[in-house]
Amino acid sequence: MPLNYINNGRYFEWIRQFVLSKENITEVPHFDKVAFKSKSKILMTMNVKENRICVRLSLENQNIFCSYNKNIIYAVPNKWGKHGWTLVNLADIQLELLEDVINCSYEDIHKKN
């Protein structure tokens, strides 16, 4: 089921709770967004205004997820994208895919250290 059935921010609250349920995650401000850190590394930011999240993935996982649908999941179109930062458009994403992206971001952060 696509997540666009929720329009009023409750769905960002679901994402927030899902991320915070993972071990050693902290929520911190990041410019005008909310960021989630583990091991002092940001694994995800939420951009409510643009209805998307930005996750940090390994380049391998970024390539896999971006191959699904480049209108939904795509590399950040600058140097950050070449380091695994990936944008996720929340308007049309399936819940299972969103969970997979967030879980991979969390796992990738822990593999690097």
PDB file of N, CA and C in Angstrom:
ATOM      1  N   MET A   1       0.844  -1.174   0.000  1.00  0.00           N
ATOM      2  CA  MET A   1       0.000   0.000   0.000  1.00  0.00           C
ATOM      3  C   MET A   1       0.893   1.242   0.000  1.00  0.00           C
ATOM      4  N   PRO A   2       0.652   2.205  -0.906  1.00  0.00           N
ATOM      5  CA  PRO A   2       1.449   3.438  -0.903  1.00  0.00           C
ATOM      6  C   PRO A   2       1.202   4.231   0.367  1.00  0.00           C
ATOM      7  N   LEU A   3       2.200   4.999   0.748  1.00  0.00           N
ATOM      8  CA  LEU A   3       2.072   5.801   1.964  1.00  0.00           C
ATOM      9  C   LEU A   3       1.307   7.093   1.747  1.00  0.00           C
ATOM     10  N   ASN A   4       0.953   7.430   0.509  1.00  0.00           N
ATOM     11  CA  ASN A   4       0.313   8.715   0.263  1.00  0.00           C
ATOM     12  C   ASN A   4      -1.103   8.804   0.817  1.00  0.00           C
ATOM     13  N   TYR A   5      -1.582   7.757   1.456  1.00  0.00           N
ATOM     14  CA  TYR A   5      -2.906   7.825   2.080  1.00  0.00           C
ATOM     15  C   TYR A   5      -2.888   8.688   3.326  1.00  0.00           C
ATOM     16  N   ILE A   6      -1.724   9.075   3.777  1.00  0.00           N
ATOM     17  CA  ILE A   6      -1.616   9.951   4.949  1.00  0.00           C
ATOM     18  C   ILE A   6      -0.985  11.259   4.490  1.00  0.00           C
ATOM     19  N   ASN A   7      -1.679  12.346   4.658  1.00  0.00           N
ATOM     20  CA  ASN A   7      -1.217  13.636   4.161  1.00  0.00           C
ATOM     21  C   ASN A   7      -0.777  14.607   5.233  1.00  0.00           C
ATOM     22  N   ASN A   8      -1.079  14.356   6.453  1.00  0.00           N
ATOM     23  CA  ASN A   8      -0.958  15.408   7.455  1.00  0.00           C
ATOM     24  C   ASN A   8       0.221  15.253   8.407  1.00  0.00           C
ATOM     25  N   GLY A   9       1.245  14.544   8.011  1.00  0.00           N
ATOM     26  CA  GLY A   9       2.426  14.429   8.854  1.00  0.00           C
ATOM     27  C   GLY A   9       2.429  13.224   9.770  1.00  0.00           C
ATOM     28  N   ARG A  10       1.320  12.538   9.904  1.00  0.00           N
ATOM     29  CA  ARG A  10       1.322  11.339  10.755  1.00  0.00           C
ATOM     30  C   ARG A  10       2.316  10.324  10.199  1.00  0.00           C
ATOM     31  N   TYR A  11       2.486  10.358   8.912  1.00  0.00           N
ATOM     32  CA  TYR A  11       3.337   9.391   8.274  1.00  0.00           C
ATOM     33  C   TYR A  11       4.800   9.684   8.518  1.00  0.00           C
ATOM     34  N   PHE A  12       5.128  10.944   8.690  1.00  0.00           N
ATOM     35  CA  PHE A  12       6.472  11.266   9.140  1.00  0.00           C
ATOM     36  C   PHE A  12       6.668  10.795  10.579  1.00  0.00           C
ATOM     37  N   GLU A  13       5.612  10.855  11.367  1.00  0.00           N
ATOM     38  CA  GLU A  13       5.712  10.353  12.734  1.00  0.00           C
ATOM     39  C   GLU A  13       5.932   8.844  12.730  1.00  0.00           C
ATOM     40  N   TRP A  14       5.290   8.122  11.811  1.00  0.00           N
ATOM     41  CA  TRP A  14       5.518   6.674  11.699  1.00  0.00           C
ATOM     42  C   TRP A  14       6.983   6.415  11.354  1.00  0.00           C
ATOM     43  N   ILE A  15       7.535   7.155  10.391  1.00  0.00           N
ATOM     44  CA  ILE A  15       8.943   6.992  10.002  1.00  0.00           C
ATOM     45  C   ILE A  15       9.834   7.295  11.201  1.00  0.00           C
ATOM     46  N   ARG A  16       9.548   8.388  11.888  1.00  0.00           N
ATOM     47  CA  ARG A  16      10.333   8.774  13.068  1.00  0.00           C
ATOM     48  C   ARG A  16      10.350   7.657  14.094  1.00  0.00           C
ATOM     49  N   GLN A  17       9.186   7.112  14.415  1.00  0.00           N
ATOM     50  CA  GLN A  17       9.103   6.035  15.403  1.00  0.00           C
ATOM     51  C   GLN A  17       9.813   4.774  14.922  1.00  0.00           C
ATOM     52  N   PHE A  18       9.690   4.474  13.635  1.00  0.00           N
ATOM     53  CA  PHE A  18      10.350   3.298  13.068  1.00  0.00           C
ATOM     54  C   PHE A  18      11.871   3.421  13.211  1.00  0.00           C
ATOM     55  N   VAL A  19      12.406   4.574  12.878  1.00  0.00           N
ATOM     56  CA  VAL A  19      13.864   4.782  12.974  1.00  0.00           C
ATOM     57  C   VAL A  19      14.314   4.776  14.428  1.00  0.00           C
ATOM     58  N   LEU A  20      13.581   5.468  15.282  1.00  0.00           N
ATOM     59  CA  LEU A  20      13.973   5.542  16.692  1.00  0.00           C
ATOM     60  C   LEU A  20      13.851   4.204  17.413  1.00  0.00           C
ATOM     61  N   SER A  21      13.115   3.261  16.835  1.00  0.00           N
ATOM     62  CA  SER A  21      12.994   1.941  17.458  1.00  0.00           C
ATOM     63  C   SER A  21      14.268   1.115  17.294  1.00  0.00           C
ATOM     64  N   LYS A  22      15.157   1.572  16.454  1.00  0.00           N
ATOM     65  CA  LYS A  22      16.414   0.858  16.240  1.00  0.00           C
ATOM     66  C   LYS A  22      17.420   1.225  17.328  1.00  0.00           C
ATOM     67  N   GLU A  23      18.337   0.339  17.556  1.00  0.00           N
ATOM     68  CA  GLU A  23      19.315   0.509  18.619  1.00  0.00           C
ATOM     69  C   GLU A  23      20.269   1.674  18.342  1.00  0.00           C
ATOM     70  N   ASN A  24      20.527   2.472  19.372  1.00  0.00           N
ATOM     71  CA  ASN A  24      21.516   3.560  19.352  1.00  0.00           C
ATOM     72  C   ASN A  24      21.224   4.653  18.329  1.00  0.00           C
ATOM     73  N   ILE A  25      19.968   4.988  18.138  1.00  0.00           N
ATOM     74  CA  ILE A  25      19.602   6.072  17.225  1.00  0.00           C
ATOM     75  C   ILE A  25      19.255   7.303  18.051  1.00  0.00           C
ATOM     76  N   THR A  26      19.744   8.443  17.609  1.00  0.00           N
ATOM     77  CA  THR A  26      19.369   9.708  18.231  1.00  0.00           C
ATOM     78  C   THR A  26      18.795  10.636  17.165  1.00  0.00           C
ATOM     79  N   GLU A  27      17.893  11.479  17.600  1.00  0.00           N
ATOM     80  CA  GLU A  27      17.267  12.465  16.724  1.00  0.00           C
ATOM     81  C   GLU A  27      17.902  13.816  17.015  1.00  0.00           C
ATOM     82  N   VAL A  28      18.343  14.506  15.971  1.00  0.00           N
ATOM     83  CA  VAL A  28      19.010  15.797  16.131  1.00  0.00           C
ATOM     84  C   VAL A  28      18.544  16.757  15.044  1.00  0.00           C
ATOM     85  N   PRO A  29      18.594  18.065  15.317  1.00  0.00           N
ATOM     86  CA  PRO A  29      18.293  19.022  14.247  1.00  0.00           C
ATOM     87  C   PRO A  29      19.428  19.028  13.223  1.00  0.00           C
ATOM     88  N   HIS A  30      19.074  19.266  11.986  1.00  0.00           N
ATOM     89  CA  HIS A  30      20.064  19.332  10.903  1.00  0.00           C
ATOM     90  C   HIS A  30      19.611  20.425   9.946  1.00  0.00           C
ATOM     91  N   PHE A  31      20.101  21.628  10.139  1.00  0.00           N
ATOM     92  CA  PHE A  31      19.637  22.807   9.410  1.00  0.00           C
ATOM     93  C   PHE A  31      18.128  22.924   9.625  1.00  0.00           C
ATOM     94  N   ASP A  32      17.325  22.922   8.575  1.00  0.00           N
ATOM     95  CA  ASP A  32      15.875  23.053   8.738  1.00  0.00           C
ATOM     96  C   ASP A  32      15.164  21.702   8.710  1.00  0.00           C
ATOM     97  N   LYS A  33      15.915  20.624   8.902  1.00  0.00           N
ATOM     98  CA  LYS A  33      15.362  19.270   8.857  1.00  0.00           C
ATOM     99  C   LYS A  33      15.619  18.550  10.181  1.00  0.00           C
ATOM    100  N   VAL A  34      15.096  17.352  10.268  1.00  0.00           N
ATOM    101  CA  VAL A  34      15.369  16.469  11.396  1.00  0.00           C
ATOM    102  C   VAL A  34      16.274  15.368  10.880  1.00  0.00           C
ATOM    103  N   ALA A  35      17.322  15.065  11.629  1.00  0.00           N
ATOM    104  CA  ALA A  35      18.250  14.006  11.249  1.00  0.00           C
ATOM    105  C   ALA A  35      18.244  12.913  12.308  1.00  0.00           C
ATOM    106  N   PHE A  36      18.630  11.721  11.882  1.00  0.00           N
ATOM    107  CA  PHE A  36      18.751  10.580  12.780  1.00  0.00           C
ATOM    108  C   PHE A  36      20.170  10.049  12.653  1.00  0.00           C
ATOM    109  N   LYS A  37      20.819   9.900  13.810  1.00  0.00           N
ATOM    110  CA  LYS A  37      22.223   9.486  13.846  1.00  0.00           C
ATOM    111  C   LYS A  37      22.380   8.164  14.564  1.00  0.00           C
ATOM    112  N   SER A  38      23.397   7.455  14.134  1.00  0.00           N
ATOM    113  CA  SER A  38      23.856   6.263  14.832  1.00  0.00           C
ATOM    114  C   SER A  38      25.372   6.266  14.737  1.00  0.00           C
ATOM    115  N   LYS A  39      26.023   6.003  15.845  1.00  0.00           N
ATOM    116  CA  LYS A  39      27.496   6.018  15.872  1.00  0.00           C
ATOM    117  C   LYS A  39      28.034   7.346  15.351  1.00  0.00           C
ATOM    118  N   SER A  40      27.404   8.434  15.704  1.00  0.00           N
ATOM    119  CA  SER A  40      27.759   9.801  15.323  1.00  0.00           C
ATOM    120  C   SER A  40      27.698  10.060  13.816  1.00  0.00           C
ATOM    121  N   LYS A  41      27.082   9.165  13.063  1.00  0.00           N
ATOM    122  CA  LYS A  41      26.905   9.353  11.619  1.00  0.00           C
ATOM    123  C   LYS A  41      25.425   9.503  11.308  1.00  0.00           C
ATOM    124  N   ILE A  42      25.111  10.457  10.452  1.00  0.00           N
ATOM    125  CA  ILE A  42      23.719  10.627  10.028  1.00  0.00           C
ATOM    126  C   ILE A  42      23.354   9.503   9.078  1.00  0.00           C
ATOM    127  N   LEU A  43      22.233   8.832   9.371  1.00  0.00           N
ATOM    128  CA  LEU A  43      21.768   7.798   8.448  1.00  0.00           C
ATOM    129  C   LEU A  43      20.558   8.259   7.661  1.00  0.00           C
ATOM    130  N   MET A  44      19.847   9.303   8.148  1.00  0.00           N
ATOM    131  CA  MET A  44      18.656   9.745   7.452  1.00  0.00           C
ATOM    132  C   MET A  44      18.268  11.148   7.894  1.00  0.00           C
ATOM    133  N   THR A  45      17.734  11.927   6.946  1.00  0.00           N
ATOM    134  CA  THR A  45      17.099  13.195   7.277  1.00  0.00           C
ATOM    135  C   THR A  45      15.672  13.159   6.735  1.00  0.00           C
ATOM    136  N   MET A  46      14.788  13.915   7.382  1.00  0.00           N
ATOM    137  CA  MET A  46      13.395  14.011   6.934  1.00  0.00           C
ATOM    138  C   MET A  46      13.132  15.430   6.469  1.00  0.00           C
ATOM    139  N   ASN A  47      12.544  15.538   5.289  1.00  0.00           N
ATOM    140  CA  ASN A  47      12.183  16.832   4.741  1.00  0.00           C
ATOM    141  C   ASN A  47      10.667  16.846   4.549  1.00  0.00           C
ATOM    142  N   VAL A  48       9.960  17.311   5.558  1.00  0.00           N
ATOM    143  CA  VAL A  48       8.491  17.312   5.541  1.00  0.00           C
ATOM    144  C   VAL A  48       7.982  18.214   4.422  1.00  0.00           C
ATOM    145  N   LYS A  49       8.598  19.358   4.252  1.00  0.00           N
ATOM    146  CA  LYS A  49       8.161  20.327   3.250  1.00  0.00           C
ATOM    147  C   LYS A  49       8.170  19.734   1.837  1.00  0.00           C
ATOM    148  N   GLU A  50       9.168  18.931   1.534  1.00  0.00           N
ATOM    149  CA  GLU A  50       9.282  18.343   0.190  1.00  0.00           C
ATOM    150  C   GLU A  50       8.784  16.900   0.138  1.00  0.00           C
ATOM    151  N   ASN A  51       8.224  16.409   1.229  1.00  0.00           N
ATOM    152  CA  ASN A  51       7.638  15.071   1.309  1.00  0.00           C
ATOM    153  C   ASN A  51       8.632  13.972   0.889  1.00  0.00           C
ATOM    154  N   ARG A  52       9.816  14.042   1.490  1.00  0.00           N
ATOM    155  CA  ARG A  52      10.821  13.037   1.172  1.00  0.00           C
ATOM    156  C   ARG A  52      11.791  12.861   2.335  1.00  0.00           C
ATOM    157  N   ILE A  53      12.509  11.773   2.268  1.00  0.00           N
ATOM    158  CA  ILE A  53      13.614  11.542   3.193  1.00  0.00           C
ATOM    159  C   ILE A  53      14.888  11.393   2.376  1.00  0.00           C
ATOM    160  N   CYS A  54      16.001  11.549   3.040  1.00  0.00           N
ATOM    161  CA  CYS A  54      17.295  11.335   2.414  1.00  0.00           C
ATOM    162  C   CYS A  54      18.035  10.332   3.293  1.00  0.00           C
ATOM    163  N   VAL A  55      18.456   9.222   2.697  1.00  0.00           N
ATOM    164  CA  VAL A  55      19.142   8.172   3.445  1.00  0.00           C
ATOM    165  C   VAL A  55      20.557   7.984   2.922  1.00  0.00           C
ATOM    166  N   ARG A  56      21.396   7.505   3.797  1.00  0.00           N
ATOM    167  CA  ARG A  56      22.775   7.188   3.427  1.00  0.00           C
ATOM    168  C   ARG A  56      22.855   5.692   3.202  1.00  0.00           C
ATOM    169  N   LEU A  57      23.237   5.306   1.983  1.00  0.00           N
ATOM    170  CA  LEU A  57      23.356   3.891   1.618  1.00  0.00           C
ATOM    171  C   LEU A  57      24.755   3.601   1.110  1.00  0.00           C
ATOM    172  N   SER A  58      25.125   2.338   1.129  1.00  0.00           N
ATOM    173  CA  SER A  58      26.346   1.944   0.417  1.00  0.00           C
ATOM    174  C   SER A  58      26.078   2.192  -1.066  1.00  0.00           C
ATOM    175  N   LEU A  59      27.110   2.370  -1.855  1.00  0.00           N
ATOM    176  CA  LEU A  59      26.907   2.587  -3.290  1.00  0.00           C
ATOM    177  C   LEU A  59      26.226   1.391  -3.936  1.00  0.00           C
ATOM    178  N   GLU A  60      26.524   0.196  -3.450  1.00  0.00           N
ATOM    179  CA  GLU A  60      25.877  -1.005  -3.972  1.00  0.00           C
ATOM    180  C   GLU A  60      24.374  -0.984  -3.691  1.00  0.00           C
ATOM    181  N   ASN A  61      24.001  -0.684  -2.449  1.00  0.00           N
ATOM    182  CA  ASN A  61      22.581  -0.618  -2.109  1.00  0.00           C
ATOM    183  C   ASN A  61      21.884   0.544  -2.811  1.00  0.00           C
ATOM    184  N   GLN A  62      22.587   1.653  -2.955  1.00  0.00           N
ATOM    185  CA  GLN A  62      22.011   2.784  -3.678  1.00  0.00           C
ATOM    186  C   GLN A  62      21.666   2.361  -5.106  1.00  0.00           C
ATOM    187  N   ASN A  63      22.564   1.680  -5.759  1.00  0.00           N
ATOM    188  CA  ASN A  63      22.337   1.221  -7.131  1.00  0.00           C
ATOM    189  C   ASN A  63      21.133   0.272  -7.200  1.00  0.00           C
ATOM    190  N   ILE A  64      21.033  -0.627  -6.249  1.00  0.00           N
ATOM    191  CA  ILE A  64      19.918  -1.586  -6.223  1.00  0.00           C
ATOM    192  C   ILE A  64      18.588  -0.851  -6.045  1.00  0.00           C
ATOM    193  N   PHE A  65      18.501   0.020  -5.056  1.00  0.00           N
ATOM    194  CA  PHE A  65      17.241   0.720  -4.792  1.00  0.00           C
ATOM    195  C   PHE A  65      16.877   1.688  -5.918  1.00  0.00           C
ATOM    196  N   CYS A  66      17.869   2.369  -6.475  1.00  0.00           N
ATOM    197  CA  CYS A  66      17.582   3.322  -7.553  1.00  0.00           C
ATOM    198  C   CYS A  66      17.098   2.618  -8.821  1.00  0.00           C
ATOM    199  N   SER A  67      17.417   1.359  -8.966  1.00  0.00           N
ATOM    200  CA  SER A  67      16.965   0.626 -10.153  1.00  0.00           C
ATOM    201  C   SER A  67      15.470   0.313 -10.089  1.00  0.00           C
ATOM    202  N   TYR A  68      14.859   0.449  -8.915  1.00  0.00           N
ATOM    203  CA  TYR A  68      13.433   0.163  -8.750  1.00  0.00           C
ATOM    204  C   TYR A  68      12.582   1.156  -9.538  1.00  0.00           C
ATOM    205  N   ASN A  69      12.748   2.442  -9.254  1.00  0.00           N
ATOM    206  CA  ASN A  69      11.987   3.487  -9.937  1.00  0.00           C
ATOM    207  C   ASN A  69      12.661   4.815  -9.611  1.00  0.00           C
ATOM    208  N   LYS A  70      13.289   5.425 -10.604  1.00  0.00           N
ATOM    209  CA  LYS A  70      14.055   6.650 -10.367  1.00  0.00           C
ATOM    210  C   LYS A  70      13.185   7.874 -10.050  1.00  0.00           C
ATOM    211  N   ASN A  71      11.880   7.744 -10.147  1.00  0.00           N
ATOM    212  CA  ASN A  71      10.988   8.820  -9.709  1.00  0.00           C
ATOM    213  C   ASN A  71      10.705   8.720  -8.214  1.00  0.00           C
ATOM    214  N   ILE A  72      10.968   7.556  -7.647  1.00  0.00           N
ATOM    215  CA  ILE A  72      10.705   7.336  -6.224  1.00  0.00           C
ATOM    216  C   ILE A  72      11.993   7.346  -5.414  1.00  0.00           C
ATOM    217  N   ILE A  73      13.023   6.656  -5.908  1.00  0.00           N
ATOM    218  CA  ILE A  73      14.303   6.566  -5.191  1.00  0.00           C
ATOM    219  C   ILE A  73      15.414   6.924  -6.173  1.00  0.00           C
ATOM    220  N   TYR A  74      16.217   7.928  -5.811  1.00  0.00           N
ATOM    221  CA  TYR A  74      17.257   8.382  -6.728  1.00  0.00           C
ATOM    222  C   TYR A  74      18.410   9.017  -5.944  1.00  0.00           C
ATOM    223  N   ALA A  75      19.596   8.935  -6.521  1.00  0.00           N
ATOM    224  CA  ALA A  75      20.782   9.513  -5.886  1.00  0.00           C
ATOM    225  C   ALA A  75      20.633  11.030  -5.811  1.00  0.00           C
ATOM    226  N   VAL A  76      21.111  11.616  -4.728  1.00  0.00           N
ATOM    227  CA  VAL A  76      21.136  13.069  -4.622  1.00  0.00           C
ATOM    228  C   VAL A  76      21.936  13.584  -5.826  1.00  0.00           C
ATOM    229  N   PRO A  77      21.386  14.542  -6.578  1.00  0.00           N
ATOM    230  CA  PRO A  77      22.031  14.954  -7.831  1.00  0.00           C
ATOM    231  C   PRO A  77      23.200  15.930  -7.645  1.00  0.00           C
ATOM    232  N   ASN A  78      24.146  15.547  -6.822  1.00  0.00           N
ATOM    233  CA  ASN A  78      25.375  16.323  -6.648  1.00  0.00           C
ATOM    234  C   ASN A  78      26.437  15.386  -6.071  1.00  0.00           C
ATOM    235  N   LYS A  79      27.504  15.931  -5.545  1.00  0.00           N
ATOM    236  CA  LYS A  79      28.591  15.083  -5.042  1.00  0.00           C
ATOM    237  C   LYS A  79      28.149  14.166  -3.905  1.00  0.00           C
ATOM    238  N   TRP A  80      27.134  14.574  -3.132  1.00  0.00           N
ATOM    239  CA  TRP A  80      26.666  13.727  -2.038  1.00  0.00           C
ATOM    240  C   TRP A  80      26.086  12.421  -2.563  1.00  0.00           C
ATOM    241  N   GLY A  81      25.434  12.466  -3.699  1.00  0.00           N
ATOM    242  CA  GLY A  81      24.894  11.248  -4.302  1.00  0.00           C
ATOM    243  C   GLY A  81      25.966  10.242  -4.645  1.00  0.00           C
ATOM    244  N   LYS A  82      27.152  10.721  -4.960  1.00  0.00           N
ATOM    245  CA  LYS A  82      28.273   9.820  -5.279  1.00  0.00           C
ATOM    246  C   LYS A  82      28.855   9.163  -4.035  1.00  0.00           C
ATOM    247  N   HIS A  83      28.380   9.608  -2.877  1.00  0.00           N
ATOM    248  CA  HIS A  83      28.802   9.020  -1.600  1.00  0.00           C
ATOM    249  C   HIS A  83      27.678   8.204  -0.966  1.00  0.00           C
ATOM    250  N   GLY A  84      26.637   7.921  -1.743  1.00  0.00           N
ATOM    251  CA  GLY A  84      25.569   7.057  -1.266  1.00  0.00           C
ATOM    252  C   GLY A  84      24.316   7.757  -0.773  1.00  0.00           C
ATOM    253  N   TRP A  85      24.329   9.095  -0.719  1.00  0.00           N
ATOM    254  CA  TRP A  85      23.136   9.800  -0.244  1.00  0.00           C
ATOM    255  C   TRP A  85      22.043   9.684  -1.291  1.00  0.00           C
ATOM    256  N   THR A  86      20.879   9.256  -0.840  1.00  0.00           N
ATOM    257  CA  THR A  86      19.786   8.867  -1.726  1.00  0.00           C
ATOM    258  C   THR A  86      18.476   9.494  -1.264  1.00  0.00           C
ATOM    259  N   LEU A  87      17.764  10.100  -2.206  1.00  0.00           N
ATOM    260  CA  LEU A  87      16.470  10.709  -1.903  1.00  0.00           C
ATOM    261  C   LEU A  87      15.356   9.703  -2.121  1.00  0.00           C
ATOM    262  N   VAL A  88      14.364   9.749  -1.249  1.00  0.00           N
ATOM    263  CA  VAL A  88      13.211   8.854  -1.329  1.00  0.00           C
ATOM    264  C   VAL A  88      11.953   9.713  -1.331  1.00  0.00           C
ATOM    265  N   ASN A  89      11.253   9.712  -2.463  1.00  0.00           N
ATOM    266  CA  ASN A  89       9.997  10.439  -2.611  1.00  0.00           C
ATOM    267  C   ASN A  89       8.911   9.635  -1.916  1.00  0.00           C
ATOM    268  N   LEU A  90       8.279  10.230  -0.931  1.00  0.00           N
ATOM    269  CA  LEU A  90       7.317   9.487  -0.120  1.00  0.00           C
ATOM    270  C   LEU A  90       5.913   9.417  -0.713  1.00  0.00           C
ATOM    271  N   ALA A  91       5.650  10.156  -1.772  1.00  0.00           N
ATOM    272  CA  ALA A  91       4.299  10.202  -2.323  1.00  0.00           C
ATOM    273  C   ALA A  91       3.824   8.849  -2.848  1.00  0.00           C
ATOM    274  N   ASP A  92       4.716   8.071  -3.442  1.00  0.00           N
ATOM    275  CA  ASP A  92       4.279   6.840  -4.108  1.00  0.00           C
ATOM    276  C   ASP A  92       4.981   5.572  -3.638  1.00  0.00           C
ATOM    277  N   ILE A  93       5.775   5.665  -2.609  1.00  0.00           N
ATOM    278  CA  ILE A  93       6.538   4.495  -2.187  1.00  0.00           C
ATOM    279  C   ILE A  93       5.661   3.499  -1.421  1.00  0.00           C
ATOM    280  N   GLN A  94       5.940   2.240  -1.609  1.00  0.00           N
ATOM    281  CA  GLN A  94       5.263   1.186  -0.855  1.00  0.00           C
ATOM    282  C   GLN A  94       5.911   1.073   0.522  1.00  0.00           C
ATOM    283  N   LEU A  95       5.111   0.767   1.523  1.00  0.00           N
ATOM    284  CA  LEU A  95       5.595   0.680   2.898  1.00  0.00           C
ATOM    285  C   LEU A  95       6.749  -0.312   3.031  1.00  0.00           C
ATOM    286  N   GLU A  96       6.631  -1.472   2.416  1.00  0.00           N
ATOM    287  CA  GLU A  96       7.682  -2.494   2.526  1.00  0.00           C
ATOM    288  C   GLU A  96       9.002  -1.995   1.950  1.00  0.00           C
ATOM    289  N   LEU A  97       8.931  -1.269   0.839  1.00  0.00           N
ATOM    290  CA  LEU A  97      10.143  -0.727   0.227  1.00  0.00           C
ATOM    291  C   LEU A  97      10.760   0.343   1.117  1.00  0.00           C
ATOM    292  N   LEU A  98       9.934   1.200   1.695  1.00  0.00           N
ATOM    293  CA  LEU A  98      10.434   2.221   2.610  1.00  0.00           C
ATOM    294  C   LEU A  98      11.137   1.587   3.802  1.00  0.00           C
ATOM    295  N   GLU A  99      10.545   0.562   4.382  1.00  0.00           N
ATOM    296  CA  GLU A  99      11.178  -0.144   5.503  1.00  0.00           C
ATOM    297  C   GLU A  99      12.522  -0.724   5.077  1.00  0.00           C
ATOM    298  N   ASP A 100      12.583  -1.320   3.881  1.00  0.00           N
ATOM    299  CA  ASP A 100      13.827  -1.903   3.386  1.00  0.00           C
ATOM    300  C   ASP A 100      14.917  -0.840   3.229  1.00  0.00           C
ATOM    301  N   VAL A 101      14.559   0.312   2.670  1.00  0.00           N
ATOM    302  CA  VAL A 101      15.539   1.389   2.477  1.00  0.00           C
ATOM    303  C   VAL A 101      16.097   1.857   3.821  1.00  0.00           C
ATOM    304  N   ILE A 102      15.209   2.083   4.773  1.00  0.00           N
ATOM    305  CA  ILE A 102      15.651   2.550   6.092  1.00  0.00           C
ATOM    306  C   ILE A 102      16.493   1.485   6.787  1.00  0.00           C
ATOM    307  N   ASN A 103      16.063   0.237   6.718  1.00  0.00           N
ATOM    308  CA  ASN A 103      16.839  -0.852   7.330  1.00  0.00           C
ATOM    309  C   ASN A 103      18.219  -0.969   6.703  1.00  0.00           C
ATOM    310  N   CYS A 104      18.314  -0.852   5.383  1.00  0.00           N
ATOM    311  CA  CYS A 104      19.622  -0.931   4.722  1.00  0.00           C
ATOM    312  C   CYS A 104      20.514   0.237   5.121  1.00  0.00           C
ATOM    313  N   SER A 105      19.938   1.417   5.242  1.00  0.00           N
ATOM    314  CA  SER A 105      20.722   2.566   5.673  1.00  0.00           C
ATOM    315  C   SER A 105      21.314   2.308   7.059  1.00  0.00           C
ATOM    316  N   TYR A 106      20.495   1.808   7.960  1.00  0.00           N
ATOM    317  CA  TYR A 106      20.945   1.495   9.315  1.00  0.00           C
ATOM    318  C   TYR A 106      22.056   0.439   9.291  1.00  0.00           C
ATOM    319  N   GLU A 107      21.848  -0.611   8.530  1.00  0.00           N
ATOM    320  CA  GLU A 107      22.848  -1.678   8.438  1.00  0.00           C
ATOM    321  C   GLU A 107      24.134  -1.181   7.798  1.00  0.00           C
ATOM    322  N   ASP A 108      24.024  -0.357   6.755  1.00  0.00           N
ATOM    323  CA  ASP A 108      25.219   0.158   6.082  1.00  0.00           C
ATOM    324  C   ASP A 108      26.044   1.044   7.009  1.00  0.00           C
ATOM    325  N   ILE A 109      25.403   1.852   7.830  1.00  0.00           N
ATOM    326  CA  ILE A 109      26.128   2.695   8.791  1.00  0.00           C
ATOM    327  C   ILE A 109      26.936   1.818   9.750  1.00  0.00           C
ATOM    328  N   HIS A 110      26.352   0.711  10.176  1.00  0.00           N
ATOM    329  CA  HIS A 110      27.032  -0.147  11.136  1.00  0.00           C
ATOM    330  C   HIS A 110      28.115  -1.018  10.505  1.00  0.00           C
ATOM    331  N   LYS A 111      28.044  -1.267   9.238  1.00  0.00           N
ATOM    332  CA  LYS A 111      29.092  -2.024   8.546  1.00  0.00           C
ATOM    333  C   LYS A 111      30.361  -1.214   8.391  1.00  0.00           C
ATOM    334  N   LYS A 112      30.211   0.117   8.242  1.00  0.00           N
ATOM    335  CA  LYS A 112      31.353   0.980   7.954  1.00  0.00           C
ATOM    336  C   LYS A 112      32.269   1.176   9.149  1.00  0.00           C
ATOM    337  N   ASN A 113      31.747   0.971  10.347  1.00  0.00           N
ATOM    338  CA  ASN A 113      32.571   1.218  11.545  1.00  0.00           C
ATOM    339  C   ASN A 113      32.925  -0.064  12.244  1.00  0.00           C
TER     340      ASN A 113
END
